[in-house]
Amino acid sequence: METAVYRIVQEALTNVRRHARAGAAEVEVTRTGTLRVRISDDGAGLPSTARAGVGTVSMRERAAELGGTCAITSRPGGGTVVEALLPLPVDTRHHV
């Protein structure tokens, strides 16, 4: 899971650098019942003619391999958000 999260963040930040024309980007990782990885920027957002490239497909495939999802959307007011939701393994050590 660590490698998949790292690669999703890496690809999202590469896309920010290459395409977004952003002044800032933020990476958030939260853990509840799932692991939520959210990368957002304040750049140009997704063009209306955007097609899924190799990196986008790769992020979605990495999430799917773990039983999760990865969505890429435009933010209201500008920018792009990549959000991966990944199920956490059940820790059976604490169950009786």
Protein backbone atom coordinates (compact mmCIF):
# COMPACT_ATOMS: atom_id res chain seq x y z
CA MET A 1 0.00 0.00 0.00
CA GLU A 2 2.81 2.42 0.84
CA THR A 3 4.26 2.13 -2.65
CA ALA A 4 0.87 2.70 -4.30
CA VAL A 5 0.23 5.82 -2.21
CA TYR A 6 3.71 7.15 -2.94
CA ARG A 7 3.27 6.61 -6.70
CA ILE A 8 -0.19 8.22 -6.74
CA VAL A 9 1.14 11.31 -4.95
CA GLN A 10 4.22 11.38 -7.16
CA GLU A 11 2.16 11.24 -10.38
CA ALA A 12 -0.32 13.84 -9.15
CA LEU A 13 2.48 16.27 -8.24
CA THR A 14 4.18 15.60 -11.59
CA ASN A 15 0.93 16.58 -13.30
CA VAL A 16 0.74 19.76 -11.20
CA ARG A 17 4.27 20.69 -12.26
CA ARG A 18 3.74 19.86 -15.94
CA HIS A 19 0.19 21.00 -16.61
CA ALA A 20 -1.50 22.99 -13.85
CA ARG A 21 0.29 26.35 -13.93
CA ALA A 22 -0.32 26.31 -10.16
CA GLY A 23 1.12 28.55 -7.50
CA ALA A 24 0.60 25.95 -4.78
CA ALA A 25 -0.27 22.32 -4.23
CA GLU A 26 -1.30 20.49 -1.08
CA VAL A 27 -1.10 16.82 -0.12
CA GLU A 28 -3.43 15.55 2.60
CA VAL A 29 -3.47 12.03 3.98
CA THR A 30 -6.15 11.05 6.48
CA ARG A 31 -6.97 7.72 8.02
CA THR A 32 -10.39 6.70 9.26
CA GLY A 33 -12.03 3.52 7.99
CA THR A 34 -10.15 4.14 4.76
CA LEU A 35 -6.96 5.87 3.77
CA ARG A 36 -7.80 9.11 1.98
CA VAL A 37 -5.06 10.69 -0.13
CA ARG A 38 -5.95 14.09 -1.56
CA ILE A 39 -3.70 16.20 -3.77
CA SER A 40 -5.08 19.60 -4.74
CA ASP A 41 -3.70 22.61 -6.57
CA ASP A 42 -4.75 26.16 -7.36
CA GLY A 43 -3.92 25.93 -11.06
CA ALA A 44 -5.89 26.04 -14.27
CA GLY A 45 -8.06 22.99 -13.59
CA LEU A 46 -8.90 20.28 -16.06
CA PRO A 47 -9.47 21.38 -19.64
CA SER A 48 -12.84 20.43 -21.07
CA THR A 49 -11.05 18.27 -23.65
CA ALA A 50 -8.92 16.42 -21.08
CA ARG A 51 -8.22 12.77 -21.85
CA ALA A 52 -6.84 10.22 -19.44
CA GLY A 53 -3.13 9.86 -20.07
CA VAL A 54 -0.76 7.16 -18.89
CA GLY A 55 -0.27 8.81 -15.50
CA THR A 56 -3.98 9.22 -14.84
CA VAL A 57 -4.67 5.63 -15.82
CA SER A 58 -1.78 4.49 -13.63
CA MET A 59 -3.14 6.30 -10.56
CA ARG A 60 -6.58 4.74 -11.05
CA GLU A 61 -5.11 1.28 -11.62
CA ARG A 62 -2.95 1.47 -8.49
CA ALA A 63 -5.98 2.40 -6.39
CA ALA A 64 -8.14 -0.31 -8.00
CA GLU A 65 -5.48 -2.99 -7.33
CA LEU A 66 -5.97 -2.28 -3.62
CA GLY A 67 -9.78 -2.28 -3.88
CA GLY A 68 -9.99 1.52 -3.85
CA THR A 69 -10.82 4.38 -6.16
CA CYS A 70 -9.06 7.41 -7.57
CA ALA A 71 -11.01 10.39 -8.89
CA ILE A 72 -9.66 13.47 -10.65
CA THR A 73 -11.87 16.54 -10.68
CA SER A 74 -11.74 20.29 -11.15
CA ARG A 75 -12.14 22.46 -8.07
CA PRO A 76 -14.78 25.17 -8.05
CA GLY A 77 -12.92 28.43 -8.58
CA GLY A 78 -9.93 26.76 -10.23
CA GLY A 79 -7.53 23.95 -9.66
CA THR A 80 -7.56 20.19 -9.75
CA VAL A 81 -8.14 17.58 -7.05
CA VAL A 82 -6.87 14.00 -7.15
CA GLU A 83 -8.49 11.92 -4.44
CA ALA A 84 -7.71 8.28 -3.77
CA LEU A 85 -9.75 6.28 -1.27
CA LEU A 86 -8.07 3.05 -0.25
CA PRO A 87 -9.45 0.41 2.12
CA LEU A 88 -7.26 -0.30 5.10
CA PRO A 89 -6.51 -3.91 5.93
CA VAL A 90 -8.34 -5.21 8.98
CA ASP A 91 -5.93 -5.67 11.86
CA THR A 92 -6.84 -9.09 13.18
CA ARG A 93 -4.35 -8.93 16.06
CA HIS A 94 -6.79 -6.91 18.19
CA HIS A 95 -9.80 -9.21 17.68
CA VAL A 96 -10.54 -11.95 20.16
